N, C-alpha and C. Protein backbone atom coordinates (compact mmCIF):
# COMPACT_ATOMS: atom_id res chain seq x y z
N MET A 1 14.81 12.70 -17.11
CA MET A 1 13.53 12.35 -16.53
C MET A 1 13.79 11.61 -15.23
N ASN A 2 13.00 11.90 -14.20
CA ASN A 2 13.16 11.32 -12.89
C ASN A 2 11.86 10.61 -12.51
N ASN A 3 11.92 9.31 -12.27
CA ASN A 3 10.73 8.52 -11.91
C ASN A 3 10.74 8.21 -10.42
N LYS A 4 9.62 8.37 -9.77
CA LYS A 4 9.46 8.08 -8.36
C LYS A 4 8.13 7.39 -8.14
N THR A 5 8.02 6.63 -7.09
CA THR A 5 6.74 6.02 -6.72
C THR A 5 6.30 6.64 -5.40
N LEU A 6 5.08 7.11 -5.38
CA LEU A 6 4.50 7.69 -4.18
C LEU A 6 3.26 6.90 -3.80
N PHE A 7 2.79 7.10 -2.61
CA PHE A 7 1.59 6.41 -2.17
C PHE A 7 0.79 7.35 -1.27
N SER A 8 -0.47 7.09 -1.22
CA SER A 8 -1.35 7.80 -0.30
C SER A 8 -2.20 6.74 0.38
N PHE A 9 -2.62 6.99 1.60
CA PHE A 9 -3.39 5.94 2.26
C PHE A 9 -4.78 6.41 2.65
N LEU A 10 -5.66 5.46 2.61
CA LEU A 10 -7.02 5.60 3.12
C LEU A 10 -7.19 4.51 4.16
N THR A 11 -8.33 4.39 4.74
CA THR A 11 -8.49 3.41 5.80
C THR A 11 -8.34 1.97 5.31
N LEU A 12 -8.90 1.62 4.17
CA LEU A 12 -8.89 0.22 3.74
C LEU A 12 -8.08 -0.04 2.48
N ILE A 13 -7.64 0.98 1.78
CA ILE A 13 -6.89 0.77 0.55
C ILE A 13 -5.67 1.67 0.51
N LEU A 14 -4.70 1.26 -0.27
CA LEU A 14 -3.50 2.06 -0.51
C LEU A 14 -3.38 2.22 -2.01
N ILE A 15 -3.29 3.44 -2.48
CA ILE A 15 -3.21 3.72 -3.90
C ILE A 15 -1.78 4.13 -4.23
N LEU A 16 -1.17 3.44 -5.20
CA LEU A 16 0.20 3.71 -5.59
C LEU A 16 0.24 4.51 -6.88
N PHE A 17 1.14 5.48 -6.93
CA PHE A 17 1.32 6.31 -8.11
C PHE A 17 2.79 6.33 -8.50
N ASN A 18 3.03 6.46 -9.78
CA ASN A 18 4.36 6.71 -10.30
C ASN A 18 4.32 8.09 -10.93
N TYR A 19 5.33 8.89 -10.66
CA TYR A 19 5.37 10.18 -11.33
C TYR A 19 6.68 10.37 -12.06
N SER A 20 6.60 11.08 -13.17
CA SER A 20 7.76 11.40 -13.98
C SER A 20 7.85 12.92 -14.08
N ILE A 21 9.07 13.41 -13.98
CA ILE A 21 9.31 14.84 -14.16
C ILE A 21 9.91 15.03 -15.55
N SER A 22 9.23 15.80 -16.36
CA SER A 22 9.72 16.07 -17.71
C SER A 22 9.69 17.57 -17.96
N THR A 23 10.05 17.96 -19.14
CA THR A 23 10.05 19.38 -19.47
C THR A 23 8.64 19.97 -19.50
N THR A 24 7.63 19.11 -19.61
CA THR A 24 6.25 19.60 -19.64
C THR A 24 5.60 19.58 -18.25
N GLY A 25 6.32 19.08 -17.25
CA GLY A 25 5.78 19.05 -15.89
C GLY A 25 5.70 17.65 -15.33
N LEU A 26 4.88 17.49 -14.29
CA LEU A 26 4.70 16.19 -13.65
C LEU A 26 3.66 15.36 -14.40
N ILE A 27 3.97 14.09 -14.56
CA ILE A 27 3.03 13.15 -15.16
C ILE A 27 2.76 12.07 -14.11
N TRP A 28 1.51 11.97 -13.67
CA TRP A 28 1.12 11.01 -12.64
C TRP A 28 0.41 9.82 -13.29
N THR A 29 0.81 8.61 -12.89
CA THR A 29 0.18 7.40 -13.39
C THR A 29 -0.12 6.49 -12.21
N GLN A 30 -1.37 6.07 -12.08
CA GLN A 30 -1.72 5.13 -11.02
C GLN A 30 -1.13 3.77 -11.36
N THR A 31 -0.37 3.19 -10.45
CA THR A 31 0.30 1.92 -10.73
C THR A 31 -0.24 0.76 -9.91
N GLY A 32 -1.10 1.03 -8.96
CA GLY A 32 -1.65 -0.08 -8.20
C GLY A 32 -2.58 0.36 -7.10
N ILE A 33 -3.42 -0.57 -6.68
CA ILE A 33 -4.30 -0.37 -5.53
C ILE A 33 -4.12 -1.60 -4.64
N LEU A 34 -3.74 -1.36 -3.40
CA LEU A 34 -3.56 -2.45 -2.45
C LEU A 34 -4.74 -2.45 -1.48
N ILE A 35 -5.37 -3.60 -1.35
CA ILE A 35 -6.53 -3.75 -0.46
C ILE A 35 -6.28 -4.94 0.44
N SER A 36 -6.39 -4.75 1.74
CA SER A 36 -6.22 -5.88 2.65
C SER A 36 -7.40 -6.84 2.49
N ASN A 37 -7.11 -8.13 2.52
CA ASN A 37 -8.18 -9.10 2.28
C ASN A 37 -9.13 -9.27 3.46
N ASP A 38 -8.77 -8.70 4.61
CA ASP A 38 -9.63 -8.83 5.78
C ASP A 38 -9.78 -7.51 6.54
N GLY A 39 -9.56 -6.42 5.84
CA GLY A 39 -9.57 -5.11 6.48
C GLY A 39 -10.93 -4.69 6.99
N GLN A 40 -10.90 -3.88 8.03
CA GLN A 40 -12.10 -3.30 8.62
C GLN A 40 -11.92 -1.80 8.72
N THR A 41 -13.02 -1.08 8.78
CA THR A 41 -12.97 0.36 8.97
C THR A 41 -12.20 0.68 10.24
N ASN A 42 -11.37 1.71 10.17
CA ASN A 42 -10.56 2.20 11.29
C ASN A 42 -9.40 1.29 11.68
N ASP A 43 -8.99 0.36 10.81
CA ASP A 43 -7.79 -0.44 11.06
C ASP A 43 -6.52 0.38 10.88
N ASP A 44 -6.64 1.52 10.21
CA ASP A 44 -5.49 2.37 9.84
C ASP A 44 -4.54 1.65 8.89
N PHE A 45 -5.10 0.86 7.98
CA PHE A 45 -4.32 0.20 6.94
C PHE A 45 -3.57 1.26 6.15
N GLY A 46 -2.26 1.13 6.07
CA GLY A 46 -1.44 2.08 5.33
C GLY A 46 -0.82 3.15 6.19
N GLN A 47 -0.98 3.08 7.50
CA GLN A 47 -0.38 4.09 8.36
C GLN A 47 1.14 4.06 8.25
N SER A 48 1.70 2.87 8.08
CA SER A 48 3.13 2.75 7.82
C SER A 48 3.31 1.92 6.55
N VAL A 49 4.26 2.36 5.72
CA VAL A 49 4.49 1.72 4.43
C VAL A 49 5.99 1.65 4.18
N SER A 50 6.43 0.50 3.69
CA SER A 50 7.81 0.36 3.24
C SER A 50 7.77 -0.37 1.90
N MET A 51 8.53 0.16 0.93
CA MET A 51 8.54 -0.45 -0.40
C MET A 51 9.98 -0.67 -0.83
N SER A 52 10.20 -1.81 -1.49
CA SER A 52 11.50 -2.13 -2.05
C SER A 52 11.29 -3.04 -3.25
N GLU A 53 11.84 -2.61 -4.38
CA GLU A 53 11.69 -3.40 -5.60
C GLU A 53 10.22 -3.69 -5.87
N ASN A 54 9.85 -4.97 -5.86
CA ASN A 54 8.48 -5.39 -6.16
C ASN A 54 7.68 -5.76 -4.91
N TYR A 55 8.13 -5.31 -3.75
CA TYR A 55 7.46 -5.66 -2.50
C TYR A 55 6.97 -4.41 -1.78
N ALA A 56 5.84 -4.56 -1.11
CA ALA A 56 5.31 -3.51 -0.24
C ALA A 56 4.90 -4.15 1.07
N VAL A 57 5.33 -3.54 2.17
CA VAL A 57 4.95 -3.99 3.51
C VAL A 57 4.08 -2.89 4.09
N ILE A 58 2.85 -3.22 4.47
CA ILE A 58 1.86 -2.25 4.89
C ILE A 58 1.45 -2.54 6.33
N GLY A 59 1.54 -1.54 7.18
CA GLY A 59 1.12 -1.67 8.57
C GLY A 59 -0.34 -1.30 8.77
N SER A 60 -0.99 -2.02 9.64
CA SER A 60 -2.38 -1.77 10.00
C SER A 60 -2.48 -1.90 11.52
N PRO A 61 -2.06 -0.85 12.25
CA PRO A 61 -1.85 -0.97 13.70
C PRO A 61 -3.09 -1.19 14.55
N LYS A 62 -4.26 -0.92 14.01
CA LYS A 62 -5.47 -1.09 14.83
C LYS A 62 -6.30 -2.31 14.44
N SER A 63 -5.71 -3.20 13.64
CA SER A 63 -6.43 -4.42 13.24
C SER A 63 -6.67 -5.31 14.45
N GLN A 64 -7.83 -5.92 14.46
CA GLN A 64 -8.16 -6.88 15.52
C GLN A 64 -7.67 -8.26 15.11
N VAL A 65 -7.02 -8.95 16.04
CA VAL A 65 -6.56 -10.32 15.81
C VAL A 65 -7.21 -11.19 16.90
N GLY A 66 -8.10 -12.06 16.48
CA GLY A 66 -8.85 -12.85 17.46
C GLY A 66 -9.67 -11.91 18.34
N ASN A 67 -9.52 -12.05 19.64
CA ASN A 67 -10.22 -11.17 20.58
C ASN A 67 -9.39 -9.96 20.98
N ASN A 68 -8.20 -9.82 20.41
CA ASN A 68 -7.29 -8.73 20.76
C ASN A 68 -7.56 -7.51 19.86
N THR A 69 -8.26 -6.54 20.40
CA THR A 69 -8.54 -5.34 19.65
C THR A 69 -7.27 -4.49 19.55
N GLU A 70 -7.09 -3.88 18.42
CA GLU A 70 -5.95 -3.02 18.13
C GLU A 70 -4.60 -3.70 18.34
N GLN A 71 -4.55 -5.02 18.07
CA GLN A 71 -3.27 -5.72 18.14
C GLN A 71 -2.39 -5.33 16.97
N GLY A 72 -3.01 -5.15 15.81
CA GLY A 72 -2.28 -4.74 14.62
C GLY A 72 -1.81 -5.90 13.77
N LYS A 73 -1.63 -5.61 12.49
CA LYS A 73 -1.14 -6.59 11.52
C LYS A 73 -0.18 -5.91 10.56
N VAL A 74 0.61 -6.74 9.91
CA VAL A 74 1.48 -6.29 8.82
C VAL A 74 1.12 -7.12 7.61
N TYR A 75 0.95 -6.46 6.47
CA TYR A 75 0.58 -7.13 5.23
C TYR A 75 1.75 -7.05 4.25
N LEU A 76 2.00 -8.15 3.55
CA LEU A 76 3.05 -8.22 2.54
C LEU A 76 2.41 -8.39 1.18
N PHE A 77 2.76 -7.50 0.26
CA PHE A 77 2.27 -7.56 -1.12
C PHE A 77 3.47 -7.69 -2.06
N GLN A 78 3.26 -8.38 -3.19
CA GLN A 78 4.28 -8.46 -4.22
C GLN A 78 3.68 -8.06 -5.55
N ASN A 79 4.43 -7.29 -6.32
CA ASN A 79 4.01 -6.90 -7.66
C ASN A 79 4.51 -7.95 -8.63
N ASN A 80 3.59 -8.58 -9.37
CA ASN A 80 3.96 -9.62 -10.33
C ASN A 80 3.91 -9.09 -11.76
N SER A 81 4.28 -7.84 -11.95
CA SER A 81 4.36 -7.15 -13.25
C SER A 81 3.02 -6.64 -13.75
N SER A 82 1.92 -7.30 -13.39
CA SER A 82 0.63 -6.82 -13.87
C SER A 82 -0.26 -6.31 -12.74
N ASN A 83 -0.05 -6.82 -11.53
CA ASN A 83 -0.84 -6.34 -10.40
C ASN A 83 -0.16 -6.69 -9.09
N TRP A 84 -0.68 -6.14 -8.01
CA TRP A 84 -0.15 -6.39 -6.67
C TRP A 84 -0.96 -7.52 -6.03
N VAL A 85 -0.26 -8.51 -5.45
CA VAL A 85 -0.89 -9.67 -4.84
C VAL A 85 -0.52 -9.69 -3.36
N GLN A 86 -1.51 -9.88 -2.51
CA GLN A 86 -1.25 -9.98 -1.07
C GLN A 86 -0.74 -11.38 -0.76
N TYR A 87 0.42 -11.44 -0.11
CA TYR A 87 1.01 -12.72 0.25
C TYR A 87 0.60 -13.18 1.63
N ARG A 88 0.76 -12.32 2.61
CA ARG A 88 0.49 -12.71 4.00
C ARG A 88 -0.03 -11.51 4.77
N HIS A 89 -0.58 -11.79 5.93
CA HIS A 89 -0.92 -10.75 6.90
C HIS A 89 -0.68 -11.28 8.29
């Protein structure tokens, strides 16, 4: 059996899936939903993603910071075994 974690992105949320390959085919299980705590439409939250162990780093290149439009932000999430928690942006 081979386990992998995949992700797909939408504008404001990132949905995480785990899949297993078995003799009966692929088994998909949703393992998390990441939502930026200050996201706006068209921020492109999830355009870039890096995952390692229990951490996810999510890019949002069009986020506004202060008066700077499209300055961008990076969000750090940690999985605490039961859910994903946003640490910083």
